[in-house]
Protein backbone atom coordinates (compact mmCIF):
# COMPACT_ATOMS: atom_id res chain seq x y z
CA ARG A 1 0.12 -29.16 5.01
CA LYS A 2 -1.13 -32.19 3.02
CA LYS A 3 -3.99 -30.16 1.46
CA LEU A 4 -1.65 -27.30 0.63
CA VAL A 5 0.82 -29.64 -1.13
CA GLU A 6 -2.06 -31.19 -3.04
CA MET A 7 -3.22 -27.73 -4.21
CA ILE A 8 0.35 -26.67 -5.23
CA ASN A 9 0.62 -29.90 -7.25
CA ASP A 10 -2.87 -29.55 -8.77
CA TYR A 11 -1.91 -26.09 -10.18
CA SER A 12 1.59 -27.21 -11.20
CA LEU A 13 3.21 -24.69 -8.91
CA GLU A 14 5.89 -26.97 -7.38
CA HIS A 15 8.60 -24.65 -8.64
CA SER A 16 6.94 -21.55 -7.22
CA PHE A 17 6.72 -22.57 -3.58
CA LYS A 18 8.98 -23.87 -0.90
CA LEU A 19 7.36 -25.06 2.32
CA LEU A 20 10.10 -24.37 4.86
CA GLY A 21 8.63 -24.87 8.24
CA PHE A 22 10.67 -23.30 11.10
CA ILE A 23 13.89 -21.63 9.87
CA ASP A 24 16.66 -19.63 11.59
CA LYS A 25 16.13 -15.89 11.95
CA ASP A 26 19.18 -15.17 9.72
CA GLU A 27 17.59 -17.19 6.95
CA VAL A 28 14.35 -15.39 7.47
CA TYR A 29 16.00 -12.02 6.87
CA ASP A 30 17.78 -13.35 3.79
CA ILE A 31 14.46 -14.49 2.41
CA LEU A 32 12.73 -11.15 3.20
CA HIS A 33 15.61 -9.18 1.58
CA SER A 34 15.38 -11.27 -1.58
CA SER A 35 11.51 -10.90 -1.86
CA LYS A 36 9.46 -8.29 -3.70
CA ILE A 37 6.26 -8.38 -1.66
CA PHE A 38 5.25 -9.48 1.84
CA LEU A 39 1.94 -11.40 2.02
CA CYS A 40 -0.09 -11.24 5.17
CA THR A 41 -2.88 -13.77 4.63
CA ASP A 42 -3.83 -13.76 8.27
CA HIS A 43 -7.56 -13.01 8.82
CA GLU A 44 -7.34 -12.36 12.59
CA ASN A 45 -4.08 -10.39 12.86
CA GLY A 46 -3.53 -8.51 16.16
CA TRP A 47 -0.30 -6.57 16.40
CA GLY A 48 1.20 -8.02 13.29
CA LEU A 49 4.90 -8.21 14.18
CA ALA A 50 5.63 -10.30 11.05
CA VAL A 51 4.12 -7.45 9.01
CA CYS A 52 6.46 -5.02 10.73
CA GLU A 53 9.45 -7.24 9.93
CA GLY A 54 8.45 -7.36 6.29
CA MET A 55 7.96 -3.60 6.13
CA SER A 56 11.30 -3.08 7.80
CA SER A 57 12.86 -5.21 5.06
CA GLY A 58 11.52 -2.69 2.48
CA LEU A 59 8.61 -4.84 1.32
CA PRO A 60 5.17 -3.57 0.49
CA VAL A 61 2.48 -5.68 2.14
CA VAL A 62 -0.56 -7.21 0.51
CA CYS A 63 -3.18 -8.00 3.24
CA TYR A 64 -6.81 -8.41 4.13
CA ASP A 65 -8.61 -5.33 5.43
CA LEU A 66 -8.13 -5.87 9.12
CA ASP A 67 -8.28 -3.31 11.98
CA ILE A 68 -4.49 -3.21 12.33
CA PHE A 69 -4.22 -1.84 8.76
CA GLY A 70 -5.44 1.72 9.17
CA SER A 71 -4.83 1.94 12.90
CA VAL A 72 -1.31 0.69 13.66
CA TYR A 73 -0.14 0.77 10.04
CA GLN A 74 -1.39 3.65 7.95
CA LYS A 75 0.72 3.12 4.80
CA GLY A 76 3.07 0.69 3.18
CA TYR A 77 0.34 -1.86 2.24
CA LYS A 78 -2.54 -2.67 -0.06
CA SER A 79 -5.52 -4.29 1.52
CA VAL A 80 -8.54 -6.11 0.06
CA LYS A 81 -11.82 -7.22 1.47
CA LEU A 82 -11.60 -10.12 3.97
CA TYR A 83 -11.59 -13.54 2.20
CA ASP A 84 -11.61 -11.92 -1.34
CA THR A 85 -8.87 -14.24 -2.63
CA GLU A 86 -9.36 -13.10 -6.21
CA ALA A 87 -8.73 -9.39 -5.26
CA PHE A 88 -5.82 -10.52 -3.15
CA ALA A 89 -4.27 -12.26 -6.13
CA LYS A 90 -4.93 -9.26 -8.40
CA GLU A 91 -3.07 -7.01 -5.89
CA ILE A 92 -0.14 -9.32 -5.91
CA ILE A 93 -0.07 -9.36 -9.75
CA LYS A 94 -0.46 -5.63 -9.90
CA LEU A 95 2.51 -4.95 -7.61
CA LEU A 96 4.68 -7.55 -9.41
CA LYS A 97 3.99 -5.92 -12.82
CA ASN A 98 4.31 -2.30 -11.64
CA GLU A 99 7.76 -1.73 -10.27
CA SER A 100 7.31 2.02 -9.61
CA LEU A 101 4.11 1.34 -7.56
CA ARG A 102 5.83 -1.45 -5.74
CA GLU A 103 8.85 0.87 -4.87
CA LYS A 104 6.52 3.67 -3.77
CA ILE A 105 4.64 1.45 -1.36
CA ALA A 106 7.94 -0.14 -0.17
CA THR A 107 9.21 3.37 0.63
CA ASP A 108 6.00 4.01 2.50
CA ALA A 109 6.40 0.76 4.34
CA LEU A 110 9.99 1.69 5.48
CA ASP A 111 8.74 5.17 6.52
CA GLN A 112 5.84 3.61 8.48
CA VAL A 113 8.04 1.25 10.53
CA ARG A 114 10.40 4.06 11.57
CA GLN A 115 7.90 4.93 14.24
CA PHE A 116 8.70 1.63 15.91
CA ASP A 117 12.43 2.34 16.16
CA HIS A 118 13.43 1.53 19.81
CA LYS A 119 15.10 4.86 20.31
CA ILE A 120 11.95 6.73 19.33
CA VAL A 121 9.74 4.45 21.48
CA ILE A 122 11.98 4.81 24.44
CA ASN A 123 12.09 8.66 24.14
CA GLU A 124 8.24 8.71 23.93
CA LEU A 125 8.03 6.51 27.07
CA LEU A 126 10.42 8.76 28.97
CA LYS A 127 8.33 11.87 28.22
CA HIS A 128 5.33 10.21 29.92
CA LEU A 129 7.37 9.12 32.91
CA LYS A 130 8.68 12.57 33.78
């Protein structure tokens, strides 16, 4: 945290970031719904439940190229080579500047997470149990 705060200060980004720590789930959803992009900076992501929550809030995801993106999630995101922070930043800027692209990927994200609707999952499970 100390290193992160130093970097934020070094680049005069104090007004661009809020380090919140743990927050209540209702506040999380308020933040997601007021955002334009969901950033997944994880480099070892397994299932990626946070990504699913971001997508279900209608947010396009910017992420590193991990196995989960392309296997579990096929659309609704833009990925870059692992640890390529410059490409990561360029994708963020590209989405922030191009509203129609951002909206298209956000629509794809919402479509993508529909497969995880509990009613659909339960119906699929029941098919296999019969």
